[in-house]
Amino acid sequence: MTHLSRTVSVTLTSLALVACPPQPGQMGDLGATGATGPAGATGTTGPTGATGSTGVMGSAGATGPTGATGDVGSMGSAGATGPTGAAGPTGSTGAMGVAGAIGPTGPQGANGATGAAGPTGATGVTGVTGATGPTGPQGASGATGAPGPTGSTGLTGPAGATGSTGPTGATGPTGPAGTTGQSAVMAVGSGGLTVTPSTGITTIPGLSTTITVGASSRVLISSDGSLLTTSTSANGFSVVDVMIRVDGNLLSAGGYRRVMAVNPAAGLLGAVAHWSINATVTLSPGSHTITIAALGVALGGSTAAVVSGDSSSILQGVLNVAQLAQ
């Protein structure tokens, strides 16, 4: 019973220490060591009881006197680690220890930087000239030099003898035909011609020219111009025939126009009409006079007209004659 009581006491004390970390209390007086009691028989281990709920921690009781040392009980489970205590103050520096033995030699250090160059030594005595060595191989040819300046021109040599005349060359091809026998001339009106319904064939001033015709030539004749009615009434008009004549004669065919200038309405007077005629004729070699003439036409109330004019008039007529060699 005494052994069991000690075991329970130790166990409860251990649980109390695990559950509640011991708090430093006031140390009591050291008691006398009790006599060791006899060892009791080891009882059988009972079944482990269910873990009860943790009770409220009671206040720490006063430290009782140290009891006799009991038998070592079975080891309980490890308690949770308590929080780390605050660091204690740094202790004072201890006395210097005895010098240790000399350690082994360390590895060689890195080379130091090169020192500054020392002053140049005095020049030594010139040595004896050595024997001449053998001739070396010929070197490669150097690059071609730049051309020299051009020399001055030499004196002119004497003239050589005249060579003999060469043979006559072949006759060249015949050239194109020339313009012989071709010509062109233009005549322009030099003034207006008043033509009444009863005016006969009359040459228009300035529209006349004389040409010399060569053999085998053709003559191209053309003329244009305008005329103005002198009627002062609405729908008044003038009628004039304009023709080409060669040496005073009409052409056998073509070269003839009838021109009528009509006032379109009252207030629009001075109507203008135009002629344009041309013809190509074959004339005998020699001199020929070509003219443009006008003829009045009496046609139911027609009035006089002004035909052509000078360079200041929009009515000025033109005569063109061109001779073409065949």
Protein backbone atom coordinates (compact mmCIF):
# COMPACT_ATOMS: atom_id res chain seq x y z
CA MET A 1 0.00 0.00 0.00
CA THR A 2 2.81 2.33 0.81
CA HIS A 3 4.46 1.59 -2.56
CA LEU A 4 1.18 2.21 -4.40
CA SER A 5 0.69 5.48 -2.56
CA ARG A 6 4.15 6.62 -3.55
CA THR A 7 3.52 5.61 -7.13
CA VAL A 8 0.25 7.50 -7.24
CA SER A 9 1.86 10.48 -5.55
CA VAL A 10 4.69 10.54 -8.05
CA THR A 11 2.29 10.10 -10.94
CA LEU A 12 0.00 12.87 -9.79
CA THR A 13 2.99 15.09 -9.21
CA SER A 14 4.23 14.37 -12.75
CA LEU A 15 0.81 15.12 -14.21
CA ALA A 16 0.65 18.32 -12.27
CA LEU A 17 4.08 19.30 -13.59
CA VAL A 18 3.00 18.48 -17.18
CA ALA A 19 -0.34 20.18 -16.98
CA CYS A 20 0.97 23.22 -15.16
CA PRO A 21 4.59 24.23 -15.57
CA PRO A 22 6.17 24.55 -12.12
CA GLN A 23 6.55 28.00 -10.75
CA PRO A 24 9.68 28.68 -8.70
CA GLY A 25 8.67 28.67 -5.05
CA GLN A 26 10.57 29.45 -1.91
CA MET A 27 13.07 26.70 -1.24
CA GLY A 28 12.44 24.94 2.06
CA ASP A 29 14.95 23.50 4.45
CA LEU A 30 16.66 20.32 3.32
CA GLY A 31 15.17 17.42 5.18
CA ALA A 32 17.03 14.39 6.46
CA THR A 33 17.32 11.43 4.12
CA GLY A 34 14.90 8.73 5.07
CA ALA A 35 15.72 5.07 5.24
CA THR A 36 15.13 3.11 2.04
CA GLY A 37 12.12 0.93 2.35
CA PRO A 38 11.86 -2.55 0.99
CA ALA A 39 10.84 -2.92 -2.64
CA GLY A 40 7.25 -4.00 -3.06
CA ALA A 41 6.06 -6.52 -5.61
CA THR A 42 5.13 -5.10 -9.00
CA GLY A 43 1.41 -5.16 -9.55
CA THR A 44 -0.32 -5.88 -12.82
CA THR A 45 -1.01 -2.93 -15.07
CA GLY A 46 -4.63 -2.00 -15.02
CA PRO A 47 -6.57 -0.93 -18.11
CA THR A 48 -6.17 2.64 -19.26
CA GLY A 49 -9.07 4.71 -18.19
CA ALA A 50 -10.86 7.16 -20.47
CA THR A 51 -9.37 10.61 -20.64
CA GLY A 52 -11.41 12.98 -18.55
CA SER A 53 -12.04 16.59 -19.43
CA THR A 54 -9.42 19.01 -18.30
CA GLY A 55 -10.40 20.48 -14.97
CA VAL A 56 -9.94 24.05 -13.93
CA MET A 57 -6.46 24.63 -12.75
CA GLY A 58 -6.38 25.11 -9.03
CA SER A 59 -4.07 27.37 -7.19
CA ALA A 60 -0.64 26.02 -6.41
CA GLY A 61 -0.38 24.50 -2.99
CA ALA A 62 2.51 25.08 -0.63
CA THR A 63 5.55 22.93 -1.16
CA GLY A 64 5.52 20.04 1.18
CA PRO A 65 8.56 18.43 2.68
CA THR A 66 10.59 16.16 0.45
CA GLY A 67 9.41 12.62 0.84
CA ALA A 68 11.45 9.51 0.68
CA THR A 69 12.58 8.51 -2.80
CA GLY A 70 10.15 6.02 -4.17
CA ASP A 71 10.61 3.40 -6.80
CA VAL A 72 10.99 4.60 -10.34
CA GLY A 73 7.61 4.56 -11.94
CA SER A 74 6.80 4.01 -15.59
CA MET A 75 7.57 6.95 -17.91
CA GLY A 76 4.66 9.14 -18.61
CA SER A 77 3.92 10.77 -21.98
CA ALA A 78 5.99 13.84 -22.93
CA GLY A 79 4.46 17.15 -21.95
CA ALA A 80 4.06 20.08 -24.34
CA THR A 81 7.08 22.32 -24.80
CA GLY A 82 6.85 25.40 -22.63
CA PRO A 83 7.43 28.89 -24.07
CA THR A 84 11.00 30.10 -24.48
CA GLY A 85 12.17 32.11 -21.52
CA ALA A 86 13.56 35.61 -21.84
CA ALA A 87 17.29 35.85 -22.59
CA GLY A 88 19.44 36.35 -19.51
CA PRO A 89 21.94 39.22 -19.19
CA THR A 90 25.35 38.88 -20.87
CA GLY A 91 27.97 37.52 -18.52
CA SER A 92 31.22 39.35 -17.83
CA THR A 93 34.26 38.65 -20.02
CA GLY A 94 36.28 35.71 -18.81
CA ALA A 95 40.04 35.76 -18.27
CA MET A 96 42.30 35.28 -21.32
CA GLY A 97 43.02 31.64 -21.95
CA VAL A 98 46.46 30.10 -22.51
CA ALA A 99 47.87 30.58 -26.02
CA GLY A 100 47.20 27.65 -28.28
CA ALA A 101 49.78 25.74 -30.27
CA ILE A 102 51.02 27.22 -33.61
CA GLY A 103 48.74 26.15 -36.47
CA PRO A 104 49.91 24.68 -39.82
CA THR A 105 51.25 26.97 -42.59
CA GLY A 106 48.47 28.56 -44.70
CA PRO A 107 48.33 28.47 -48.58
CA GLN A 108 50.52 30.85 -50.63
CA GLY A 109 48.94 34.27 -51.20
CA ALA A 110 48.22 35.85 -54.67
CA ASN A 111 51.08 37.64 -56.52
CA GLY A 112 51.37 41.30 -55.67
CA ALA A 113 51.13 44.08 -58.29
CA THR A 114 54.21 44.75 -60.50
CA GLY A 115 56.43 47.39 -59.02
CA ALA A 116 57.50 50.54 -60.86
CA ALA A 117 60.34 50.21 -63.43
CA GLY A 118 63.80 50.90 -62.09
CA PRO A 119 66.11 53.46 -63.69
CA THR A 120 67.83 52.59 -66.99
CA GLY A 121 71.29 51.14 -66.53
CA ALA A 122 74.39 52.66 -68.13
CA THR A 123 75.17 51.77 -71.76
CA GLY A 124 77.50 48.81 -72.09
CA VAL A 125 80.67 48.75 -74.20
CA THR A 126 80.13 48.15 -77.95
CA GLY A 127 80.82 44.53 -78.84
CA VAL A 128 83.14 43.31 -81.60
CA THR A 129 81.61 43.39 -85.14
CA GLY A 130 80.47 39.91 -86.15
CA ALA A 131 81.33 38.20 -89.42
CA THR A 132 79.21 39.01 -92.53
CA GLY A 133 76.38 36.53 -92.96
CA PRO A 134 75.50 34.78 -96.25
CA THR A 135 73.46 36.66 -98.91
CA GLY A 136 69.72 36.19 -98.47
CA PRO A 137 67.32 35.09 -101.28
CA GLN A 138 66.16 37.70 -103.86
CA GLY A 139 63.03 39.56 -102.79
CA ALA A 140 59.80 39.72 -104.84
CA SER A 141 59.51 42.39 -107.60
CA GLY A 142 58.11 45.70 -106.45
CA ALA A 143 54.93 47.26 -107.89
CA THR A 144 55.19 49.16 -111.20
CA GLY A 145 55.81 52.84 -110.65
CA ALA A 146 53.44 55.56 -111.88
CA PRO A 147 53.92 56.73 -115.55
CA GLY A 148 56.33 59.58 -115.96
CA PRO A 149 55.21 62.96 -117.40
CA THR A 150 54.54 63.18 -121.16
CA GLY A 151 57.53 64.34 -123.10
CA SER A 152 57.41 67.46 -125.31
CA THR A 153 56.18 67.14 -128.92
CA GLY A 154 58.93 66.39 -131.39
CA LEU A 155 59.61 68.41 -134.54
CA THR A 156 57.31 67.92 -137.55
CA GLY A 157 58.85 65.56 -140.09
CA PRO A 158 59.24 66.53 -143.76
CA ALA A 159 56.20 66.22 -146.03
CA GLY A 160 55.95 62.94 -147.93
CA ALA A 161 55.75 62.71 -151.70
CA THR A 162 52.32 63.14 -153.33
CA GLY A 163 50.72 59.79 -154.09
CA SER A 164 49.38 58.84 -157.50
CA THR A 165 45.74 59.60 -158.39
CA GLY A 166 43.37 56.79 -157.48
CA PRO A 167 40.84 55.24 -159.88
CA THR A 168 37.51 56.98 -160.52
CA GLY A 169 34.76 55.81 -158.18
CA ALA A 170 31.46 54.29 -159.33
CA THR A 171 28.56 56.61 -160.19
CA GLY A 172 26.24 57.17 -157.24
CA PRO A 173 22.47 56.56 -157.33
CA THR A 174 20.18 59.16 -158.89
CA GLY A 175 18.93 61.68 -156.35
CA PRO A 176 15.24 62.46 -155.72
CA ALA A 177 13.40 64.73 -158.11
CA GLY A 178 13.77 68.43 -157.40
CA THR A 179 11.03 71.01 -156.93
CA THR A 180 11.54 72.67 -160.31
CA GLY A 181 8.20 73.69 -161.78
CA GLN A 182 6.38 73.75 -158.40
CA SER A 183 5.16 76.95 -156.78
CA ALA A 184 2.45 78.41 -154.53
CA VAL A 185 1.07 81.92 -154.34
CA MET A 186 -1.66 83.68 -152.30
CA ALA A 187 -3.60 86.84 -153.12
CA VAL A 188 -5.88 88.68 -150.66
CA GLY A 189 -8.75 91.13 -151.07
CA SER A 190 -7.75 94.77 -151.20
CA GLY A 191 -11.22 96.34 -150.89
CA GLY A 192 -14.96 95.69 -150.98
CA LEU A 193 -16.94 95.29 -154.25
CA THR A 194 -20.58 96.45 -154.29
CA VAL A 195 -22.62 94.08 -156.45
CA THR A 196 -26.19 95.01 -157.43
CA PRO A 197 -28.70 92.60 -159.01
CA SER A 198 -27.69 94.02 -162.40
CA THR A 199 -23.87 93.92 -161.97
CA GLY A 200 -22.12 91.83 -164.60
CA ILE A 201 -19.06 89.58 -164.07
CA THR A 202 -16.51 91.71 -162.22
CA THR A 203 -13.12 90.73 -160.71
CA ILE A 204 -13.10 91.14 -156.93
CA PRO A 205 -10.39 93.67 -155.98
CA GLY A 206 -7.09 91.97 -155.01
CA LEU A 207 -8.21 88.43 -155.90
CA SER A 208 -6.05 88.07 -159.03
CA THR A 209 -2.61 86.52 -159.71
CA THR A 210 -0.47 85.51 -162.71
CA ILE A 211 1.67 82.32 -162.74
CA THR A 212 4.03 80.64 -165.18
CA VAL A 213 3.05 77.02 -165.71
CA GLY A 214 5.73 74.44 -166.56
CA ALA A 215 5.37 71.33 -168.70
CA SER A 216 3.40 68.46 -167.22
CA SER A 217 2.03 70.51 -164.32
CA ARG A 218 -1.37 70.66 -162.66
CA VAL A 219 -2.73 73.76 -160.92
CA LEU A 220 -4.75 73.70 -157.69
CA ILE A 221 -7.00 76.79 -157.23
CA SER A 222 -8.99 77.60 -154.06
CA SER A 223 -10.79 80.67 -152.70
CA ASP A 224 -12.96 81.69 -149.74
CA GLY A 225 -14.48 84.94 -148.44
CA SER A 226 -17.73 86.61 -147.35
CA LEU A 227 -20.39 89.03 -148.54
CA LEU A 228 -22.84 91.34 -146.67
CA THR A 229 -26.42 92.19 -147.67
CA THR A 230 -27.26 95.90 -147.65
CA SER A 231 -31.01 95.28 -147.12
CA THR A 232 -32.52 97.15 -144.14
CA SER A 233 -35.77 95.17 -143.98
CA ALA A 234 -36.70 91.99 -142.19
CA ASN A 235 -36.11 88.99 -144.46
CA GLY A 236 -34.34 91.25 -146.95
CA PHE A 237 -31.62 89.48 -148.94
CA SER A 238 -28.88 89.65 -151.57
CA VAL A 239 -27.84 87.02 -154.15
CA VAL A 240 -24.33 86.90 -155.73
CA ASP A 241 -22.58 84.30 -157.95
CA VAL A 242 -18.82 83.82 -157.18
CA MET A 243 -16.59 82.07 -159.76
CA ILE A 244 -13.00 81.11 -160.75
CA ARG A 245 -11.76 82.43 -164.08
CA VAL A 246 -8.54 81.53 -165.95
CA ASP A 247 -7.39 84.05 -168.56
CA GLY A 248 -10.88 85.66 -168.36
CA ASN A 249 -12.74 82.38 -168.97
CA LEU A 250 -14.92 80.26 -166.71
CA LEU A 251 -13.80 76.71 -166.06
CA SER A 252 -15.42 73.98 -168.08
CA ALA A 253 -16.49 72.25 -164.87
CA GLY A 254 -16.65 73.36 -161.23
CA GLY A 255 -15.29 76.54 -159.75
CA TYR A 256 -18.72 78.28 -159.40
CA ARG A 257 -20.90 79.12 -156.33
CA ARG A 258 -24.18 81.01 -155.69
CA VAL A 259 -24.25 82.75 -152.34
CA MET A 260 -27.35 84.26 -150.62
CA ALA A 261 -27.25 86.53 -147.53
CA VAL A 262 -30.70 86.85 -145.81
CA ASN A 263 -31.70 88.99 -142.81
CA PRO A 264 -33.40 86.57 -140.37
CA ALA A 265 -35.86 89.10 -138.77
CA ALA A 266 -36.48 92.74 -137.93
CA GLY A 267 -33.72 94.06 -135.70
CA LEU A 268 -31.21 91.50 -137.04
CA LEU A 269 -29.90 93.25 -140.16
CA GLY A 270 -26.64 92.99 -142.11
CA ALA A 271 -26.68 89.25 -142.67
CA VAL A 272 -23.34 87.72 -143.84
CA ALA A 273 -22.86 84.69 -146.11
CA HIS A 274 -19.66 82.85 -147.10
CA TRP A 275 -18.21 81.24 -150.19
CA SER A 276 -15.62 78.49 -150.54
CA ILE A 277 -14.66 77.10 -153.96
CA ASN A 278 -11.76 75.07 -155.34
CA ALA A 279 -10.70 73.29 -158.50
CA THR A 280 -7.75 71.41 -160.02
CA VAL A 281 -6.98 72.17 -163.66
CA THR A 282 -4.37 71.25 -166.27
CA LEU A 283 -2.99 74.27 -168.08
CA SER A 284 -0.65 74.58 -171.04
CA PRO A 285 2.93 75.66 -170.33
CA GLY A 286 3.30 79.40 -170.14
CA SER A 287 1.81 82.42 -168.36
CA HIS A 288 -1.78 82.31 -167.06
CA THR A 289 -3.87 84.82 -165.04
CA ILE A 290 -6.27 83.45 -162.45
CA THR A 291 -9.00 85.62 -160.89
CA ILE A 292 -12.06 85.40 -158.63
CA ALA A 293 -15.07 87.29 -159.99
CA ALA A 294 -18.61 88.18 -158.77
CA LEU A 295 -21.93 88.44 -160.67
CA GLY A 296 -25.16 90.12 -159.43
CA VAL A 297 -28.35 88.03 -159.56
CA ALA A 298 -31.79 89.69 -159.93
CA LEU A 299 -33.93 87.33 -157.92
CA GLY A 300 -37.37 88.58 -156.70
CA GLY A 301 -36.54 91.67 -154.65
CA SER A 302 -32.85 91.00 -153.99
CA THR A 303 -30.72 93.99 -153.03
CA ALA A 304 -27.10 94.99 -153.43
CA ALA A 305 -24.31 93.24 -151.46
CA VAL A 306 -20.78 94.14 -150.44
CA VAL A 307 -18.40 91.37 -151.56
CA SER A 308 -14.98 90.89 -149.83
CA GLY A 309 -12.97 93.72 -148.27
CA ASP A 310 -9.49 94.71 -147.21
CA SER A 311 -7.46 93.48 -144.21
CA SER A 312 -9.61 95.50 -141.78
CA SER A 313 -12.81 93.68 -142.81
CA ILE A 314 -14.17 90.29 -141.77
CA LEU A 315 -15.38 89.92 -145.38
CA GLN A 316 -11.84 89.84 -146.89
CA GLY A 317 -11.49 87.13 -149.52
CA VAL A 318 -8.43 84.95 -150.26
CA LEU A 319 -7.14 83.27 -153.46
CA ASN A 320 -4.59 80.40 -153.28
CA VAL A 321 -2.88 78.95 -156.38
CA ALA A 322 -0.45 76.02 -156.21
CA GLN A 323 1.41 74.45 -159.17
CA LEU A 324 2.32 70.76 -158.85
CA ALA A 325 4.88 69.14 -161.17
CA GLN A 326 3.97 65.66 -162.38
